[in-house]
PDB file of N, CA and C in Angstrom:
ATOM      1  N   UNK A   1      88.691 -98.856  -5.171  1.00  0.00           N
ATOM      2  CA  UNK A   1      88.243 -99.797  -4.151  1.00  0.00           C
ATOM      3  C   UNK A   1      89.906-101.211  -4.490  1.00  0.00           C
ATOM      4  N   UNK A   2      90.538-101.939  -3.847  1.00  0.00           N
ATOM      5  CA  UNK A   2      91.674-102.655  -3.927  1.00  0.00           C
ATOM      6  C   UNK A   2      90.934-104.135  -3.397  1.00  0.00           C
ATOM      7  N   UNK A   3      91.030-105.016  -4.463  1.00  0.00           N
ATOM      8  CA  UNK A   3      90.689-106.515  -4.999  1.00  0.00           C
ATOM      9  C   UNK A   3      91.835-107.231  -4.780  1.00  0.00           C
ATOM     10  N   UNK A   4      91.739-108.154  -4.194  1.00  0.00           N
ATOM     11  CA  UNK A   4      92.814-109.082  -4.104  1.00  0.00           C
ATOM     12  C   UNK A   4      91.777-110.923  -4.518  1.00  0.00           C
ATOM     13  N   UNK A   5      92.703-112.157  -5.331  1.00  0.00           N
ATOM     14  CA  UNK A   5      92.829-112.658  -4.936  1.00  0.00           C
ATOM     15  C   UNK A   5      93.301-113.452  -4.779  1.00  0.00           C
ATOM     16  N   UNK A   6      93.348-114.454  -3.324  1.00  0.00           N
ATOM     17  CA  UNK A   6      94.145-115.804  -3.325  1.00  0.00           C
ATOM     18  C   UNK A   6      93.159-117.469  -3.440  1.00  0.00           C
ATOM     19  N   UNK A   7      94.461-117.344  -3.584  1.00  0.00           N
ATOM     20  CA  UNK A   7      93.720-119.498  -4.038  1.00  0.00           C
ATOM     21  C   UNK A   7      93.107-120.085  -1.796  1.00  0.00           C
ATOM     22  N   UNK A   8      92.113-120.978  -2.098  1.00  0.00           N
ATOM     23  CA  UNK A   8      91.541-121.026  -1.137  1.00  0.00           C
ATOM     24  C   UNK A   8      92.246-121.796  -0.882  1.00  0.00           C
ATOM     25  N   UNK A   9      92.904-122.228  -0.625  1.00  0.00           N
ATOM     26  CA  UNK A   9      94.795-123.758   0.005  1.00  0.00           C
ATOM     27  C   UNK A   9      95.617-123.153   0.008  1.00  0.00           C
ATOM     28  N   UNK A  10      95.716-121.803   0.022  1.00  0.00           N
ATOM     29  CA  UNK A  10      96.570-120.164   0.920  1.00  0.00           C
ATOM     30  C   UNK A  10      96.591-119.791   1.865  1.00  0.00           C
ATOM     31  N   UNK A  11      95.038-119.993   2.279  1.00  0.00           N
ATOM     32  CA  UNK A  11      94.720-118.840   2.835  1.00  0.00           C
ATOM     33  C   UNK A  11      95.323-118.901   4.250  1.00  0.00           C
ATOM     34  N   UNK A  12      94.765-120.617   4.404  1.00  0.00           N
ATOM     35  CA  UNK A  12      95.820-121.015   6.102  1.00  0.00           C
ATOM     36  C   UNK A  12      97.487-120.152   5.624  1.00  0.00           C
ATOM     37  N   UNK A  13      97.857-120.097   4.870  1.00  0.00           N
ATOM     38  CA  UNK A  13      99.002-119.633   4.989  1.00  0.00           C
ATOM     39  C   UNK A  13      99.898-117.723   5.181  1.00  0.00           C
ATOM     40  N   UNK A  14      97.875-117.557   4.931  1.00  0.00           N
ATOM     41  CA  UNK A  14      98.021-115.289   4.841  1.00  0.00           C
ATOM     42  C   UNK A  14      97.502-114.836   6.156  1.00  0.00           C
ATOM     43  N   UNK A  15      96.654-116.504   7.170  1.00  0.00           N
ATOM     44  CA  UNK A  15      95.847-115.937   8.343  1.00  0.00           C
ATOM     45  C   UNK A  15      97.696-116.904   9.516  1.00  0.00           C
ATOM     46  N   UNK A  16      98.456-117.437   8.991  1.00  0.00           N
ATOM     47  CA  UNK A  16      99.082-117.328  10.157  1.00  0.00           C
ATOM     48  C   UNK A  16     100.033-116.211   9.669  1.00  0.00           C
ATOM     49  N   UNK A  17     100.343-116.394   8.095  1.00  0.00           N
ATOM     50  CA  UNK A  17     101.981-115.138   8.263  1.00  0.00           C
ATOM     51  C   UNK A  17     101.006-114.165   9.171  1.00  0.00           C
ATOM     52  N   UNK A  18      99.189-113.189   8.480  1.00  0.00           N
ATOM     53  CA  UNK A  18      98.863-112.425   9.557  1.00  0.00           C
ATOM     54  C   UNK A  18      99.127-111.858  11.386  1.00  0.00           C
ATOM     55  N   UNK A  19      98.625-113.527  11.669  1.00  0.00           N
ATOM     56  CA  UNK A  19      98.883-113.290  12.676  1.00  0.00           C
ATOM     57  C   UNK A  19     100.394-113.074  13.432  1.00  0.00           C
ATOM     58  N   UNK A  20     101.753-113.675  12.698  1.00  0.00           N
ATOM     59  CA  UNK A  20     102.759-113.485  13.415  1.00  0.00           C
ATOM     60  C   UNK A  20     102.808-111.788  13.076  1.00  0.00           C
ATOM     61  N   UNK A  21     102.801-111.343  12.292  1.00  0.00           N
ATOM     62  CA  UNK A  21     102.926-109.870  11.809  1.00  0.00           C
ATOM     63  C   UNK A  21     102.410-108.823  12.624  1.00  0.00           C
ATOM     64  N   UNK A  22     100.965-109.083  12.980  1.00  0.00           N
ATOM     65  CA  UNK A  22     100.336-108.478  14.308  1.00  0.00           C
ATOM     66  C   UNK A  22     101.043-109.388  15.637  1.00  0.00           C
ATOM     67  N   UNK A  23     101.702-109.999  15.744  1.00  0.00           N
ATOM     68  CA  UNK A  23     102.977-110.116  16.830  1.00  0.00           C
ATOM     69  C   UNK A  23     104.727-109.416  16.656  1.00  0.00           C
ATOM     70  N   UNK A  24     104.658-109.437  15.660  1.00  0.00           N
ATOM     71  CA  UNK A  24     105.712-109.154  15.614  1.00  0.00           C
ATOM     72  C   UNK A  24     105.427-106.729  15.662  1.00  0.00           C
ATOM     73  N   UNK A  25     103.959-106.120  15.059  1.00  0.00           N
ATOM     74  CA  UNK A  25     104.006-105.272  14.386  1.00  0.00           C
ATOM     75  C   UNK A  25     102.711-104.296  15.125  1.00  0.00           C
ATOM     76  N   UNK A  26     101.854-105.289  16.050  1.00  0.00           N
ATOM     77  CA  UNK A  26     101.555-104.565  16.109  1.00  0.00           C
ATOM     78  C   UNK A  26      99.551-104.237  15.943  1.00  0.00           C
ATOM     79  N   UNK A  27      98.396-104.318  15.459  1.00  0.00           N
ATOM     80  CA  UNK A  27      97.263-104.518  14.962  1.00  0.00           C
ATOM     81  C   UNK A  27      96.696-102.854  15.372  1.00  0.00           C
ATOM     82  N   UNK A  28      96.455-102.045  14.348  1.00  0.00           N
ATOM     83  CA  UNK A  28      95.288-101.101  13.445  1.00  0.00           C
ATOM     84  C   UNK A  28      94.157-101.829  13.945  1.00  0.00           C
ATOM     85  N   UNK A  29      92.917-102.719  13.996  1.00  0.00           N
ATOM     86  CA  UNK A  29      92.305-102.889  14.307  1.00  0.00           C
ATOM     87  C   UNK A  29      91.538-103.307  15.456  1.00  0.00           C
ATOM     88  N   UNK A  30      90.606-102.329  15.949  1.00  0.00           N
ATOM     89  CA  UNK A  30      90.458-102.109  17.692  1.00  0.00           C
ATOM     90  C   UNK A  30      88.894-103.475  17.262  1.00  0.00           C
ATOM     91  N   UNK A  31      89.357-104.552  18.741  1.00  0.00           N
ATOM     92  CA  UNK A  31      88.391-105.829  18.300  1.00  0.00           C
ATOM     93  C   UNK A  31      89.103-106.372  19.714  1.00  0.00           C
ATOM     94  N   UNK A  32      88.782-106.372  20.716  1.00  0.00           N
ATOM     95  CA  UNK A  32      88.882-107.010  22.298  1.00  0.00           C
ATOM     96  C   UNK A  32      89.313-108.696  22.486  1.00  0.00           C
ATOM     97  N   UNK A  33      87.909-108.714  21.357  1.00  0.00           N
ATOM     98  CA  UNK A  33      88.657-110.655  21.405  1.00  0.00           C
ATOM     99  C   UNK A  33      89.434-111.082  20.844  1.00  0.00           C
ATOM    100  N   UNK A  34      90.498-110.075  18.876  1.00  0.00           N
ATOM    101  CA  UNK A  34      90.670-110.415  18.832  1.00  0.00           C
ATOM    102  C   UNK A  34      92.556-110.488  19.355  1.00  0.00           C
ATOM    103  N   UNK A  35      91.559-108.874  20.264  1.00  0.00           N
ATOM    104  CA  UNK A  35      93.448-108.603  21.417  1.00  0.00           C
ATOM    105  C   UNK A  35      93.245-109.833  22.584  1.00  0.00           C
ATOM    106  N   UNK A  36      92.312-110.785  22.478  1.00  0.00           N
ATOM    107  CA  UNK A  36      92.554-111.643  23.814  1.00  0.00           C
ATOM    108  C   UNK A  36      93.420-112.740  23.075  1.00  0.00           C
ATOM    109  N   UNK A  37      93.017-112.390  21.791  1.00  0.00           N
ATOM    110  CA  UNK A  37      93.445-113.963  20.731  1.00  0.00           C
ATOM    111  C   UNK A  37      95.062-113.370  20.920  1.00  0.00           C
ATOM    112  N   UNK A  38      95.391-112.269  20.875  1.00  0.00           N
ATOM    113  CA  UNK A  38      96.514-112.521  20.121  1.00  0.00           C
ATOM    114  C   UNK A  38      97.546-112.234  21.582  1.00  0.00           C
ATOM    115  N   UNK A  39      96.890-111.532  22.596  1.00  0.00           N
ATOM    116  CA  UNK A  39      97.616-112.057  23.986  1.00  0.00           C
ATOM    117  C   UNK A  39      97.577-113.577  24.142  1.00  0.00           C
ATOM    118  N   UNK A  40      96.758-113.988  23.612  1.00  0.00           N
ATOM    119  CA  UNK A  40      97.102-114.920  24.404  1.00  0.00           C
ATOM    120  C   UNK A  40      97.953-117.065  23.850  1.00  0.00           C
ATOM    121  N   UNK A  41      98.144-115.855  22.543  1.00  0.00           N
ATOM    122  CA  UNK A  41      99.037-116.513  21.759  1.00  0.00           C
ATOM    123  C   UNK A  41     100.259-116.265  22.145  1.00  0.00           C
ATOM    124  N   UNK A  42     101.097-114.629  22.631  1.00  0.00           N
ATOM    125  CA  UNK A  42     101.826-114.375  23.689  1.00  0.00           C
ATOM    126  C   UNK A  42     101.653-115.301  24.714  1.00  0.00           C
ATOM    127  N   UNK A  43     101.397-115.367  25.225  1.00  0.00           N
ATOM    128  CA  UNK A  43     101.501-116.456  26.489  1.00  0.00           C
ATOM    129  C   UNK A  43     102.215-117.851  26.758  1.00  0.00           C
ATOM    130  N   UNK A  44     101.173-118.240  25.459  1.00  0.00           N
ATOM    131  CA  UNK A  44     101.487-119.504  25.101  1.00  0.00           C
ATOM    132  C   UNK A  44     102.958-119.476  24.381  1.00  0.00           C
ATOM    133  N   UNK A  45     103.749-119.233  23.831  1.00  0.00           N
ATOM    134  CA  UNK A  45     104.947-119.433  23.144  1.00  0.00           C
ATOM    135  C   UNK A  45     104.624-120.004  21.909  1.00  0.00           C
ATOM    136  N   UNK A  46     103.317-119.538  20.997  1.00  0.00           N
ATOM    137  CA  UNK A  46     103.199-119.629  19.565  1.00  0.00           C
ATOM    138  C   UNK A  46     103.992-119.422  18.794  1.00  0.00           C
ATOM    139  N   UNK A  47     104.351-117.907  19.366  1.00  0.00           N
ATOM    140  CA  UNK A  47     105.384-116.898  18.599  1.00  0.00           C
ATOM    141  C   UNK A  47     106.160-118.191  17.364  1.00  0.00           C
ATOM    142  N   UNK A  48     107.144-118.540  17.882  1.00  0.00           N
ATOM    143  CA  UNK A  48     108.064-119.319  17.310  1.00  0.00           C
ATOM    144  C   UNK A  48     107.012-120.524  16.987  1.00  0.00           C
ATOM    145  N   UNK A  49     106.670-120.652  17.515  1.00  0.00           N
ATOM    146  CA  UNK A  49     105.817-122.005  15.974  1.00  0.00           C
ATOM    147  C   UNK A  49     105.163-121.210  14.763  1.00  0.00           C
ATOM    148  N   UNK A  50     104.923-119.725  14.878  1.00  0.00           N
ATOM    149  CA  UNK A  50     105.031-119.099  13.722  1.00  0.00           C
ATOM    150  C   UNK A  50     105.223-118.923  12.732  1.00  0.00           C
ATOM    151  N   UNK A  51     106.506-118.072  13.179  1.00  0.00           N
ATOM    152  CA  UNK A  51     107.515-118.058  12.479  1.00  0.00           C
ATOM    153  C   UNK A  51     108.220-119.148  12.283  1.00  0.00           C
ATOM    154  N   UNK A  52     108.193-120.313  12.363  1.00  0.00           N
ATOM    155  CA  UNK A  52     109.676-120.684  11.268  1.00  0.00           C
ATOM    156  C   UNK A  52     107.860-121.958  10.611  1.00  0.00           C
ATOM    157  N   UNK A  53     106.963-121.859  10.864  1.00  0.00           N
ATOM    158  CA  UNK A  53     105.727-121.895   9.863  1.00  0.00           C
ATOM    159  C   UNK A  53     106.371-120.740   8.435  1.00  0.00           C
ATOM    160  N   UNK A  54     106.646-119.815   9.081  1.00  0.00           N
ATOM    161  CA  UNK A  54     106.668-118.466   8.121  1.00  0.00           C
ATOM    162  C   UNK A  54     107.909-118.558   7.337  1.00  0.00           C
ATOM    163  N   UNK A  55     108.396-119.170   7.724  1.00  0.00           N
ATOM    164  CA  UNK A  55     109.831-119.169   7.634  1.00  0.00           C
ATOM    165  C   UNK A  55     109.837-120.771   6.254  1.00  0.00           C
ATOM    166  N   UNK A  56     109.693-121.176   6.140  1.00  0.00           N
ATOM    167  CA  UNK A  56     108.493-122.198   5.658  1.00  0.00           C
ATOM    168  C   UNK A  56     107.657-121.795   4.453  1.00  0.00           C
ATOM    169  N   UNK A  57     107.126-121.091   4.319  1.00  0.00           N
ATOM    170  CA  UNK A  57     106.349-120.225   3.143  1.00  0.00           C
ATOM    171  C   UNK A  57     106.770-120.226   1.703  1.00  0.00           C
ATOM    172  N   UNK A  58     105.834-120.321   1.293  1.00  0.00           N
ATOM    173  CA  UNK A  58     106.781-120.189  -0.358  1.00  0.00           C
ATOM    174  C   UNK A  58     106.950-119.217  -0.085  1.00  0.00           C
ATOM    175  N   UNK A  59     108.173-118.550  -1.053  1.00  0.00           N
ATOM    176  CA  UNK A  59     107.831-117.443  -1.047  1.00  0.00           C
ATOM    177  C   UNK A  59     106.707-115.679  -1.559  1.00  0.00           C
ATOM    178  N   UNK A  60     106.462-116.260  -2.920  1.00  0.00           N
ATOM    179  CA  UNK A  60     105.151-115.967  -3.239  1.00  0.00           C
ATOM    180  C   UNK A  60     104.388-115.149  -2.555  1.00  0.00           C
ATOM    181  N   UNK A  61     103.874-116.624  -1.398  1.00  0.00           N
ATOM    182  CA  UNK A  61     103.091-116.513  -0.814  1.00  0.00           C
ATOM    183  C   UNK A  61     102.552-115.176   0.142  1.00  0.00           C
ATOM    184  N   UNK A  62     104.436-114.788   0.677  1.00  0.00           N
ATOM    185  CA  UNK A  62     104.811-113.998   1.680  1.00  0.00           C
ATOM    186  C   UNK A  62     104.644-112.350   0.815  1.00  0.00           C
ATOM    187  N   UNK A  63     105.083-112.730  -0.368  1.00  0.00           N
ATOM    188  CA  UNK A  63     104.848-111.433  -1.592  1.00  0.00           C
ATOM    189  C   UNK A  63     102.722-111.137  -1.626  1.00  0.00           C
ATOM    190  N   UNK A  64     102.163-112.577  -1.899  1.00  0.00           N
ATOM    191  CA  UNK A  64     100.987-111.868  -1.693  1.00  0.00           C
ATOM    192  C   UNK A  64     100.834-111.246  -1.135  1.00  0.00           C
ATOM    193  N   UNK A  65     100.956-111.741   0.727  1.00  0.00           N
ATOM    194  CA  UNK A  65     100.585-110.549   1.925  1.00  0.00           C
ATOM    195  C   UNK A  65     101.123-109.649   2.030  1.00  0.00           C
ATOM    196  N   UNK A  66     102.733-109.361   1.545  1.00  0.00           N
ATOM    197  CA  UNK A  66     102.793-107.623   1.597  1.00  0.00           C
ATOM    198  C   UNK A  66     102.042-106.437   1.055  1.00  0.00           C
ATOM    199  N   UNK A  67     101.480-107.324  -0.626  1.00  0.00           N
ATOM    200  CA  UNK A  67     100.442-106.189  -1.224  1.00  0.00           C
ATOM    201  C   UNK A  67      98.756-106.953  -0.510  1.00  0.00           C
ATOM    202  N   UNK A  68      98.447-107.886   0.110  1.00  0.00           N
ATOM    203  CA  UNK A  68      97.465-107.302   0.392  1.00  0.00           C
ATOM    204  C   UNK A  68      97.567-106.442   1.686  1.00  0.00           C
ATOM    205  N   UNK A  69      98.748-106.193   2.203  1.00  0.00           N
ATOM    206  CA  UNK A  69      98.803-105.728   2.977  1.00  0.00           C
ATOM    207  C   UNK A  69      98.803-103.937   3.174  1.00  0.00           C
ATOM    208  N   UNK A  70      99.764-104.024   1.444  1.00  0.00           N
ATOM    209  CA  UNK A  70      99.679-102.721   1.417  1.00  0.00           C
ATOM    210  C   UNK A  70      98.306-102.188   0.781  1.00  0.00           C
ATOM    211  N   UNK A  71      97.118-103.005   0.325  1.00  0.00           N
ATOM    212  CA  UNK A  71      96.531-102.771  -0.641  1.00  0.00           C
ATOM    213  C   UNK A  71      95.726-102.333   0.673  1.00  0.00           C
ATOM    214  N   UNK A  72      95.220-102.793   1.745  1.00  0.00           N
ATOM    215  CA  UNK A  72      94.324-102.997   2.425  1.00  0.00           C
ATOM    216  C   UNK A  72      94.762-101.125   3.343  1.00  0.00           C
ATOM    217  N   UNK A  73      95.724-101.026   3.438  1.00  0.00           N
ATOM    218  CA  UNK A  73      96.542 -99.352   4.344  1.00  0.00           C
ATOM    219  C   UNK A  73      96.194 -98.511   3.293  1.00  0.00           C
ATOM    220  N   UNK A  74      96.535 -98.651   2.148  1.00  0.00           N
ATOM    221  CA  UNK A  74      96.441 -98.008   1.062  1.00  0.00           C
ATOM    222  C   UNK A  74      93.847 -96.979   0.720  1.00  0.00           C
ATOM    223  N   UNK A  75      93.438 -98.219   0.777  1.00  0.00           N
ATOM    224  CA  UNK A  75      92.343 -98.934   0.785  1.00  0.00           C
ATOM    225  C   UNK A  75      91.774 -97.932   1.849  1.00  0.00           C
ATOM    226  N   UNK A  76      92.113 -97.408   3.358  1.00  0.00           N
ATOM    227  CA  UNK A  76      91.737 -97.494   4.362  1.00  0.00           C
ATOM    228  C   UNK A  76      90.523 -98.078   4.858  1.00  0.00           C
ATOM    229  N   UNK A  77      90.440 -99.351   4.464  1.00  0.00           N
ATOM    230  CA  UNK A  77      89.111-100.225   4.608  1.00  0.00           C
ATOM    231  C   UNK A  77      88.079-100.842   3.563  1.00  0.00           C
ATOM    232  N   UNK A  78      88.686 -99.972   2.791  1.00  0.00           N
ATOM    233  CA  UNK A  78      88.094-100.394   2.203  1.00  0.00           C
ATOM    234  C   UNK A  78      88.919-101.444   1.054  1.00  0.00           C
ATOM    235  N   UNK A  79      88.740-102.074   1.371  1.00  0.00           N
ATOM    236  CA  UNK A  79      89.192-103.515   0.738  1.00  0.00           C
ATOM    237  C   UNK A  79      89.016-104.140   0.360  1.00  0.00           C
ATOM    238  N   UNK A  80      88.822-104.896  -0.583  1.00  0.00           N
ATOM    239  CA  UNK A  80      88.413-106.746  -1.406  1.00  0.00           C
ATOM    240  C   UNK A  80      89.056-107.437  -0.930  1.00  0.00           C
ATOM    241  N   UNK A  81      88.925-109.103  -0.400  1.00  0.00           N
ATOM    242  CA  UNK A  81      89.937-110.862  -0.258  1.00  0.00           C
ATOM    243  C   UNK A  81      89.062-111.383  -0.994  1.00  0.00           C
ATOM    244  N   UNK A  82      88.823-111.889  -2.957  1.00  0.00           N
ATOM    245  CA  UNK A  82      88.511-112.388  -3.072  1.00  0.00           C
ATOM    246  C   UNK A  82      89.444-114.386  -2.652  1.00  0.00           C
ATOM    247  N   UNK A  83      88.734-114.854  -2.089  1.00  0.00           N
ATOM    248  CA  UNK A  83      89.270-116.571  -1.811  1.00  0.00           C
ATOM    249  C   UNK A  83      88.537-117.416  -2.714  1.00  0.00           C
ATOM    250  N   UNK A  84      89.140-118.355  -2.670  1.00  0.00           N
ATOM    251  CA  UNK A  84      88.761-119.546  -4.203  1.00  0.00           C
ATOM    252  C   UNK A  84      89.502-119.429  -4.686  1.00  0.00           C
ATOM    253  N   UNK A  85      88.861-120.668  -6.141  1.00  0.00           N
ATOM    254  CA  UNK A  85      89.561-121.027  -7.251  1.00  0.00           C
ATOM    255  C   UNK A  85      90.228-119.400  -7.784  1.00  0.00           C
TER     256      UNK A  85
END
């Protein structure tokens, strides 16, 4: 099982990058409520704000997200993410 740690103050950055990733590349998770949220984001025009946020996010956080994404895909759903300290 893959395990990744991130500081709690960086978690919002990871969430924004994840939302942008889902908007750009789709989502492998089947969740009707989440799909509805993504549709609302698309319709409301928030994608531009997410891109802007992403561009001003520290590059180390973007690399951390890529590592998280890779770990989740490689682990086939058995990855853990520790948030804190």
